[in-house]
Amino acid sequence: MDTTKPRKVYHNLRLLDHVNAATSAMYRQMAQDILADPEVDLVWRQAIAHRLSDANIMLEHKTVGKDDSY
């Protein structure tokens, strides 16, 4: 597989806080597609999974208030 796509997806995940909800959803879906593709190098999939996990944690902290349950 061309490493350009995993690299671009990896870098796009850093932009999630700076784009609108539709673009954020598209970037997340692209990341999920990469994670599901066994032809993508494992190192790329692990890096993308880690960055996506970090982004999800940040989203949780941003959207769930102190008094809310999650």
Protein backbone atom coordinates (compact mmCIF):
# COMPACT_ATOMS: atom_id res chain seq x y z
CA MET A 1 0.00 0.00 0.00
CA ASP A 2 1.08 3.56 -0.67
CA THR A 3 2.35 5.06 2.59
CA THR A 4 1.05 8.49 1.58
CA LYS A 5 -2.49 7.67 2.70
CA PRO A 6 -1.62 6.37 6.20
CA ARG A 7 0.75 9.31 6.67
CA LYS A 8 -1.94 11.80 5.61
CA VAL A 9 -4.54 10.17 7.86
CA TYR A 10 -2.09 10.23 10.76
CA HIS A 11 -1.44 13.94 10.27
CA ASN A 12 -5.13 14.75 9.71
CA LEU A 13 -5.92 13.36 13.16
CA ARG A 14 -3.91 16.23 14.66
CA LEU A 15 -6.34 18.65 13.05
CA LEU A 16 -9.52 17.32 14.65
CA ASP A 17 -9.79 20.27 17.05
CA HIS A 18 -9.35 22.75 14.22
CA VAL A 19 -11.93 21.53 11.69
CA ASN A 20 -15.72 21.42 11.62
CA ALA A 21 -17.71 18.38 12.79
CA ALA A 22 -18.22 16.99 9.27
CA THR A 23 -14.51 17.12 8.45
CA SER A 24 -13.66 15.65 11.84
CA ALA A 25 -16.04 12.76 11.19
CA MET A 26 -14.50 12.20 7.76
CA TYR A 27 -10.98 12.13 9.26
CA ARG A 28 -12.10 9.66 11.92
CA GLN A 29 -13.71 7.42 9.29
CA MET A 30 -10.54 7.51 7.21
CA ALA A 31 -8.60 6.43 10.30
CA GLN A 32 -11.03 3.56 10.92
CA ASP A 33 -10.61 2.45 7.30
CA ILE A 34 -6.83 2.39 7.71
CA LEU A 35 -7.11 0.43 10.97
CA ALA A 36 -9.30 -2.17 9.26
CA ASP A 37 -6.93 -2.64 6.32
CA PRO A 38 -4.53 -5.53 7.00
CA GLU A 39 -2.34 -4.43 4.07
CA VAL A 40 -1.37 -1.24 5.91
CA ASP A 41 1.86 -1.62 7.81
CA LEU A 42 1.29 -2.49 11.47
CA VAL A 43 3.46 0.40 12.65
CA TRP A 44 1.20 2.87 10.81
CA ARG A 45 -1.95 1.22 12.15
CA GLN A 46 -0.61 1.35 15.72
CA ALA A 47 0.39 5.01 15.38
CA ILE A 48 -3.01 5.93 13.93
CA ALA A 49 -4.83 3.93 16.61
CA HIS A 50 -2.88 5.72 19.33
CA ARG A 51 -3.52 9.16 17.88
CA LEU A 52 -7.22 8.38 17.36
CA SER A 53 -7.48 7.14 20.94
CA ASP A 54 -5.87 10.33 22.23
CA ALA A 55 -8.28 12.41 20.14
CA ASN A 56 -11.24 10.46 21.52
CA ILE A 57 -10.08 11.06 25.09
CA MET A 58 -9.73 14.78 24.39
CA LEU A 59 -13.23 14.83 22.87
CA GLU A 60 -14.57 13.07 25.97
CA HIS A 61 -13.00 15.65 28.27
CA LYS A 62 -14.28 18.47 26.11
CA THR A 63 -17.89 17.25 25.86
CA VAL A 64 -18.54 15.57 29.22
CA GLY A 65 -18.92 18.07 32.05
CA LYS A 66 -17.76 17.60 35.62
CA ASP A 67 -21.25 16.75 36.81
CA ASP A 68 -22.10 14.44 33.90
CA SER A 69 -21.72 10.73 33.97
CA TYR A 70 -20.11 8.99 31.05
